Amino acid sequence: MNCKGYEAVVSFDDEAGIFYGEVANVRDVITFQGESVAELQQAFADSVEDYLAFCAERGEKPEKPFSDSFLS
């Protein structure tokens, strides 16, 4: 999944019945979860928006996503 250049790595927890993910192309920790694909996608977008808003509130520049070549 991709949101504003941020790439997600997603897994499924069979025991809990939820999808969970983390943004992979930044050093900061940005996580999200959902019980359906639609919920997961929304949670990912919300987490990215929350991260950007948090950085703005603190007067910090958000970490820019690494390029795709670093993920390969």
PDB file of N, CA and C in Angstrom:
ATOM      1  N   MET A   1       0.851  -1.178   0.000  1.00  0.00           N
ATOM      2  CA  MET A   1       0.000   0.000   0.000  1.00  0.00           C
ATOM      3  C   MET A   1       0.891   1.233   0.000  1.00  0.00           C
ATOM      4  N   ASN A   2       0.372   2.298  -0.569  1.00  0.00           N
ATOM      5  CA  ASN A   2       1.117   3.538  -0.683  1.00  0.00           C
ATOM      6  C   ASN A   2       0.202   4.707  -0.339  1.00  0.00           C
ATOM      7  N   CYS A   3       0.729   5.639   0.440  1.00  0.00           N
ATOM      8  CA  CYS A   3      -0.014   6.855   0.778  1.00  0.00           C
ATOM      9  C   CYS A   3       0.976   8.007   0.851  1.00  0.00           C
ATOM     10  N   LYS A   4       0.863   8.950  -0.064  1.00  0.00           N
ATOM     11  CA  LYS A   4       1.727  10.133  -0.089  1.00  0.00           C
ATOM     12  C   LYS A   4       3.208   9.762  -0.124  1.00  0.00           C
ATOM     13  N   GLY A   5       3.533   8.665  -0.794  1.00  0.00           N
ATOM     14  CA  GLY A   5       4.917   8.222  -0.907  1.00  0.00           C
ATOM     15  C   GLY A   5       5.364   7.292   0.200  1.00  0.00           C
ATOM     16  N   TYR A   6       4.563   7.135   1.239  1.00  0.00           N
ATOM     17  CA  TYR A   6       4.882   6.232   2.343  1.00  0.00           C
ATOM     18  C   TYR A   6       4.390   4.833   1.974  1.00  0.00           C
ATOM     19  N   GLU A   7       5.256   3.847   2.120  1.00  0.00           N
ATOM     20  CA  GLU A   7       4.944   2.461   1.758  1.00  0.00           C
ATOM     21  C   GLU A   7       4.680   1.637   3.016  1.00  0.00           C
ATOM     22  N   ALA A   8       3.682   0.781   2.952  1.00  0.00           N
ATOM     23  CA  ALA A   8       3.321  -0.052   4.098  1.00  0.00           C
ATOM     24  C   ALA A   8       3.716  -1.502   3.882  1.00  0.00           C
ATOM     25  N   VAL A   9       4.103  -2.144   4.967  1.00  0.00           N
ATOM     26  CA  VAL A   9       4.301  -3.589   5.008  1.00  0.00           C
ATOM     27  C   VAL A   9       3.183  -4.119   5.893  1.00  0.00           C
ATOM     28  N   VAL A  10       2.425  -5.090   5.383  1.00  0.00           N
ATOM     29  CA  VAL A  10       1.230  -5.570   6.077  1.00  0.00           C
ATOM     30  C   VAL A  10       1.343  -7.057   6.374  1.00  0.00           C
ATOM     31  N   SER A  11       0.858  -7.452   7.554  1.00  0.00           N
ATOM     32  CA  SER A  11       0.793  -8.859   7.957  1.00  0.00           C
ATOM     33  C   SER A  11      -0.606  -9.140   8.489  1.00  0.00           C
ATOM     34  N   PHE A  12      -0.895 -10.419   8.673  1.00  0.00           N
ATOM     35  CA  PHE A  12      -2.185 -10.820   9.226  1.00  0.00           C
ATOM     36  C   PHE A  12      -1.946 -11.667  10.458  1.00  0.00           C
ATOM     37  N   ASP A  13      -2.613 -11.327  11.555  1.00  0.00           N
ATOM     38  CA  ASP A  13      -2.546 -12.102  12.788  1.00  0.00           C
ATOM     39  C   ASP A  13      -3.767 -13.014  12.802  1.00  0.00           C
ATOM     40  N   ASP A  14      -3.550 -14.281  12.468  1.00  0.00           N
ATOM     41  CA  ASP A  14      -4.644 -15.243  12.363  1.00  0.00           C
ATOM     42  C   ASP A  14      -5.353 -15.438  13.693  1.00  0.00           C
ATOM     43  N   GLU A  15      -4.601 -15.444  14.777  1.00  0.00           N
ATOM     44  CA  GLU A  15      -5.187 -15.663  16.100  1.00  0.00           C
ATOM     45  C   GLU A  15      -6.111 -14.505  16.496  1.00  0.00           C
ATOM     46  N   ALA A  16      -5.673 -13.280  16.262  1.00  0.00           N
ATOM     47  CA  ALA A  16      -6.470 -12.104  16.623  1.00  0.00           C
ATOM     48  C   ALA A  16      -7.465 -11.724  15.529  1.00  0.00           C
ATOM     49  N   GLY A  17      -7.229 -12.221  14.314  1.00  0.00           N
ATOM     50  CA  GLY A  17      -8.121 -11.914  13.201  1.00  0.00           C
ATOM     51  C   GLY A  17      -8.014 -10.486  12.699  1.00  0.00           C
ATOM     52  N   ILE A  18      -6.797  -9.913  12.781  1.00  0.00           N
ATOM     53  CA  ILE A  18      -6.614  -8.542  12.308  1.00  0.00           C
ATOM     54  C   ILE A  18      -5.406  -8.435  11.377  1.00  0.00           C
ATOM     55  N   PHE A  19      -5.499  -7.477  10.487  1.00  0.00           N
ATOM     56  CA  PHE A  19      -4.352  -7.078   9.683  1.00  0.00           C
ATOM     57  C   PHE A  19      -3.618  -5.999  10.474  1.00  0.00           C
ATOM     58  N   TYR A  20      -2.303  -5.980  10.380  1.00  0.00           N
ATOM     59  CA  TYR A  20      -1.538  -4.917  11.015  1.00  0.00           C
ATOM     60  C   TYR A  20      -0.383  -4.548  10.106  1.00  0.00           C
ATOM     61  N   GLY A  21       0.041  -3.330  10.210  1.00  0.00           N
ATOM     62  CA  GLY A  21       1.097  -2.887   9.318  1.00  0.00           C
ATOM     63  C   GLY A  21       1.945  -1.797   9.919  1.00  0.00           C
ATOM     64  N   GLU A  22       3.021  -1.510   9.190  1.00  0.00           N
ATOM     65  CA  GLU A  22       3.969  -0.484   9.589  1.00  0.00           C
ATOM     66  C   GLU A  22       4.494   0.182   8.322  1.00  0.00           C
ATOM     67  N   VAL A  23       4.745   1.474   8.408  1.00  0.00           N
ATOM     68  CA  VAL A  23       5.358   2.173   7.285  1.00  0.00           C
ATOM     69  C   VAL A  23       6.810   1.727   7.215  1.00  0.00           C
ATOM     70  N   ALA A  24       7.218   1.279   6.025  1.00  0.00           N
ATOM     71  CA  ALA A  24       8.527   0.642   5.875  1.00  0.00           C
ATOM     72  C   ALA A  24       9.629   1.587   5.421  1.00  0.00           C
ATOM     73  N   ASN A  25       9.299   2.680   4.766  1.00  0.00           N
ATOM     74  CA  ASN A  25      10.346   3.482   4.155  1.00  0.00           C
ATOM     75  C   ASN A  25      10.662   4.777   4.909  1.00  0.00           C
ATOM     76  N   VAL A  26      10.529   4.729   6.249  1.00  0.00           N
ATOM     77  CA  VAL A  26      10.979   5.816   7.126  1.00  0.00           C
ATOM     78  C   VAL A  26      11.558   5.195   8.394  1.00  0.00           C
ATOM     79  N   ARG A  27      12.371   5.973   9.094  1.00  0.00           N
ATOM     80  CA  ARG A  27      12.932   5.476  10.360  1.00  0.00           C
ATOM     81  C   ARG A  27      11.942   5.632  11.507  1.00  0.00           C
ATOM     82  N   ASP A  28      11.077   6.664  11.434  1.00  0.00           N
ATOM     83  CA  ASP A  28      10.066   6.844  12.474  1.00  0.00           C
ATOM     84  C   ASP A  28       9.113   5.651  12.462  1.00  0.00           C
ATOM     85  N   VAL A  29       8.528   5.366  13.610  1.00  0.00           N
ATOM     86  CA  VAL A  29       7.604   4.232  13.718  1.00  0.00           C
ATOM     87  C   VAL A  29       6.176   4.726  13.490  1.00  0.00           C
ATOM     88  N   ILE A  30       5.556   4.205  12.432  1.00  0.00           N
ATOM     89  CA  ILE A  30       4.169   4.540  12.101  1.00  0.00           C
ATOM     90  C   ILE A  30       3.451   3.215  11.891  1.00  0.00           C
ATOM     91  N   THR A  31       2.499   2.899  12.766  1.00  0.00           N
ATOM     92  CA  THR A  31       1.804   1.616  12.696  1.00  0.00           C
ATOM     93  C   THR A  31       0.303   1.836  12.536  1.00  0.00           C
ATOM     94  N   PHE A  32      -0.386   0.757  12.174  1.00  0.00           N
ATOM     95  CA  PHE A  32      -1.833   0.808  11.968  1.00  0.00           C
ATOM     96  C   PHE A  32      -2.367  -0.617  11.959  1.00  0.00           C
ATOM     97  N   GLN A  33      -3.692  -0.755  12.103  1.00  0.00           N
ATOM     98  CA  GLN A  33      -4.316  -2.084  12.053  1.00  0.00           C
ATOM     99  C   GLN A  33      -5.769  -1.964  11.639  1.00  0.00           C
ATOM    100  N   GLY A  34      -6.331  -3.087  11.194  1.00  0.00           N
ATOM    101  CA  GLY A  34      -7.729  -3.117  10.803  1.00  0.00           C
ATOM    102  C   GLY A  34      -8.224  -4.542  10.674  1.00  0.00           C
ATOM    103  N   GLU A  35      -9.530  -4.723  10.790  1.00  0.00           N
ATOM    104  CA  GLU A  35     -10.129  -6.054  10.700  1.00  0.00           C
ATOM    105  C   GLU A  35     -10.518  -6.432   9.279  1.00  0.00           C
ATOM    106  N   SER A  36     -10.512  -5.470   8.364  1.00  0.00           N
ATOM    107  CA  SER A  36     -10.811  -5.742   6.955  1.00  0.00           C
ATOM    108  C   SER A  36      -9.811  -4.968   6.106  1.00  0.00           C
ATOM    109  N   VAL A  37      -9.774  -5.283   4.827  1.00  0.00           N
ATOM    110  CA  VAL A  37      -8.865  -4.563   3.933  1.00  0.00           C
ATOM    111  C   VAL A  37      -9.240  -3.083   3.894  1.00  0.00           C
ATOM    112  N   ALA A  38     -10.527  -2.793   3.782  1.00  0.00           N
ATOM    113  CA  ALA A  38     -10.975  -1.397   3.744  1.00  0.00           C
ATOM    114  C   ALA A  38     -10.594  -0.663   5.028  1.00  0.00           C
ATOM    115  N   GLU A  39     -10.783  -1.312   6.166  1.00  0.00           N
ATOM    116  CA  GLU A  39     -10.435  -0.708   7.449  1.00  0.00           C
ATOM    117  C   GLU A  39      -8.925  -0.506   7.553  1.00  0.00           C
ATOM    118  N   LEU A  40      -8.162  -1.466   7.067  1.00  0.00           N
ATOM    119  CA  LEU A  40      -6.701  -1.374   7.084  1.00  0.00           C
ATOM    120  C   LEU A  40      -6.231  -0.204   6.219  1.00  0.00           C
ATOM    121  N   GLN A  41      -6.794  -0.072   5.027  1.00  0.00           N
ATOM    122  CA  GLN A  41      -6.417   1.023   4.132  1.00  0.00           C
ATOM    123  C   GLN A  41      -6.731   2.377   4.765  1.00  0.00           C
ATOM    124  N   GLN A  42      -7.884   2.490   5.396  1.00  0.00           N
ATOM    125  CA  GLN A  42      -8.251   3.744   6.047  1.00  0.00           C
ATOM    126  C   GLN A  42      -7.336   4.027   7.231  1.00  0.00           C
ATOM    127  N   ALA A  43      -7.019   3.004   8.017  1.00  0.00           N
ATOM    128  CA  ALA A  43      -6.137   3.176   9.168  1.00  0.00           C
ATOM    129  C   ALA A  43      -4.740   3.607   8.726  1.00  0.00           C
ATOM    130  N   PHE A  44      -4.266   3.062   7.613  1.00  0.00           N
ATOM    131  CA  PHE A  44      -2.967   3.449   7.068  1.00  0.00           C
ATOM    132  C   PHE A  44      -2.979   4.928   6.679  1.00  0.00           C
ATOM    133  N   ALA A  45      -3.983   5.338   5.917  1.00  0.00           N
ATOM    134  CA  ALA A  45      -4.090   6.743   5.506  1.00  0.00           C
ATOM    135  C   ALA A  45      -4.206   7.660   6.723  1.00  0.00           C
ATOM    136  N   ASP A  46      -5.007   7.259   7.710  1.00  0.00           N
ATOM    137  CA  ASP A  46      -5.166   8.050   8.930  1.00  0.00           C
ATOM    138  C   ASP A  46      -3.847   8.161   9.687  1.00  0.00           C
ATOM    139  N   SER A  47      -3.085   7.071   9.756  1.00  0.00           N
ATOM    140  CA  SER A  47      -1.804   7.079  10.470  1.00  0.00           C
ATOM    141  C   SER A  47      -0.800   8.002   9.800  1.00  0.00           C
ATOM    142  N   VAL A  48      -0.767   7.991   8.485  1.00  0.00           N
ATOM    143  CA  VAL A  48       0.132   8.898   7.760  1.00  0.00           C
ATOM    144  C   VAL A  48      -0.285  10.344   8.017  1.00  0.00           C
ATOM    145  N   GLU A  49      -1.576  10.628   7.930  1.00  0.00           N
ATOM    146  CA  GLU A  49      -2.069  11.989   8.188  1.00  0.00           C
ATOM    147  C   GLU A  49      -1.766  12.418   9.620  1.00  0.00           C
ATOM    148  N   ASP A  50      -1.963  11.510  10.588  1.00  0.00           N
ATOM    149  CA  ASP A  50      -1.663  11.814  11.991  1.00  0.00           C
ATOM    150  C   ASP A  50      -0.179  12.115  12.177  1.00  0.00           C
ATOM    151  N   TYR A  51       0.680  11.341  11.516  1.00  0.00           N
ATOM    152  CA  TYR A  51       2.121  11.549  11.590  1.00  0.00           C
ATOM    153  C   TYR A  51       2.488  12.931  11.051  1.00  0.00           C
ATOM    154  N   LEU A  52       1.938  13.285   9.897  1.00  0.00           N
ATOM    155  CA  LEU A  52       2.228  14.584   9.299  1.00  0.00           C
ATOM    156  C   LEU A  52       1.723  15.726  10.187  1.00  0.00           C
ATOM    157  N   ALA A  53       0.539  15.565  10.765  1.00  0.00           N
ATOM    158  CA  ALA A  53      -0.025  16.582  11.659  1.00  0.00           C
ATOM    159  C   ALA A  53       0.803  16.705  12.936  1.00  0.00           C
ATOM    160  N   PHE A  54       1.244  15.575  13.485  1.00  0.00           N
ATOM    161  CA  PHE A  54       2.063  15.573  14.697  1.00  0.00           C
ATOM    162  C   PHE A  54       3.365  16.336  14.449  1.00  0.00           C
ATOM    163  N   CYS A  55       3.998  16.073  13.322  1.00  0.00           N
ATOM    164  CA  CYS A  55       5.241  16.772  12.981  1.00  0.00           C
ATOM    165  C   CYS A  55       4.990  18.272  12.854  1.00  0.00           C
ATOM    166  N   ALA A  56       3.894  18.645  12.211  1.00  0.00           N
ATOM    167  CA  ALA A  56       3.559  20.061  12.037  1.00  0.00           C
ATOM    168  C   ALA A  56       3.324  20.740  13.384  1.00  0.00           C
ATOM    169  N   GLU A  57       2.622  20.065  14.291  1.00  0.00           N
ATOM    170  CA  GLU A  57       2.355  20.616  15.621  1.00  0.00           C
ATOM    171  C   GLU A  57       3.644  20.872  16.385  1.00  0.00           C
ATOM    172  N   ARG A  58       4.619  20.011  16.181  1.00  0.00           N
ATOM    173  CA  ARG A  58       5.906  20.135  16.876  1.00  0.00           C
ATOM    174  C   ARG A  58       6.874  21.062  16.143  1.00  0.00           C
ATOM    175  N   GLY A  59       6.472  21.538  14.974  1.00  0.00           N
ATOM    176  CA  GLY A  59       7.339  22.401  14.191  1.00  0.00           C
ATOM    177  C   GLY A  59       8.505  21.659  13.560  1.00  0.00           C
ATOM    178  N   GLU A  60       8.331  20.356  13.356  1.00  0.00           N
ATOM    179  CA  GLU A  60       9.375  19.520  12.762  1.00  0.00           C
ATOM    180  C   GLU A  60       8.983  19.133  11.346  1.00  0.00           C
ATOM    181  N   LYS A  61       9.992  18.912  10.519  1.00  0.00           N
ATOM    182  CA  LYS A  61       9.724  18.405   9.175  1.00  0.00           C
ATOM    183  C   LYS A  61       9.503  16.905   9.270  1.00  0.00           C
ATOM    184  N   PRO A  62       8.455  16.389   8.648  1.00  0.00           N
ATOM    185  CA  PRO A  62       8.258  14.932   8.655  1.00  0.00           C
ATOM    186  C   PRO A  62       9.371  14.259   7.861  1.00  0.00           C
ATOM    187  N   GLU A  63       9.707  13.072   8.280  1.00  0.00           N
ATOM    188  CA  GLU A  63      10.718  12.312   7.564  1.00  0.00           C
ATOM    189  C   GLU A  63      10.189  11.977   6.176  1.00  0.00           C
ATOM    190  N   LYS A  64      10.988  12.228   5.168  1.00  0.00           N
ATOM    191  CA  LYS A  64      10.578  11.910   3.797  1.00  0.00           C
ATOM    192  C   LYS A  64      10.768  10.422   3.559  1.00  0.00           C
ATOM    193  N   PRO A  65       9.854   9.818   2.820  1.00  0.00           N
ATOM    194  CA  PRO A  65       9.996   8.384   2.523  1.00  0.00           C
ATOM    195  C   PRO A  65      11.256   8.119   1.709  1.00  0.00           C
ATOM    196  N   PHE A  66      11.907   6.998   2.010  1.00  0.00           N
ATOM    197  CA  PHE A  66      13.045   6.554   1.217  1.00  0.00           C
ATOM    198  C   PHE A  66      12.540   6.196  -0.171  1.00  0.00           C
ATOM    199  N   SER A  67      13.419   6.206  -1.146  1.00  0.00           N
ATOM    200  CA  SER A  67      13.016   5.819  -2.501  1.00  0.00           C
ATOM    201  C   SER A  67      12.792   4.315  -2.572  1.00  0.00           C
ATOM    202  N   ASP A  68      12.069   3.887  -3.595  1.00  0.00           N
ATOM    203  CA  ASP A  68      11.767   2.464  -3.784  1.00  0.00           C
ATOM    204  C   ASP A  68      13.017   1.610  -3.876  1.00  0.00           C
ATOM    205  N   SER A  69      14.120   2.169  -4.344  1.00  0.00           N
ATOM    206  CA  SER A  69      15.336   1.371  -4.512  1.00  0.00           C
ATOM    207  C   SER A  69      15.872   0.865  -3.185  1.00  0.00           C
ATOM    208  N   PHE A  70      15.545   1.535  -2.081  1.00  0.00           N
ATOM    209  CA  PHE A  70      15.996   1.076  -0.779  1.00  0.00           C
ATOM    210  C   PHE A  70      15.173  -0.096  -0.260  1.00  0.00           C
ATOM    211  N   LEU A  71      13.972  -0.274  -0.788  1.00  0.00           N
ATOM    212  CA  LEU A  71      13.101  -1.344  -0.311  1.00  0.00           C
ATOM    213  C   LEU A  71      13.379  -2.665  -1.001  1.00  0.00           C
ATOM    214  N   SER A  72      14.067  -2.646  -2.111  1.00  0.00           N
ATOM    215  CA  SER A  72      14.301  -3.872  -2.888  1.00  0.00           C
ATOM    216  C   SER A  72      15.372  -4.726  -2.270  1.00  0.00           C
TER     217      SER A  72
END
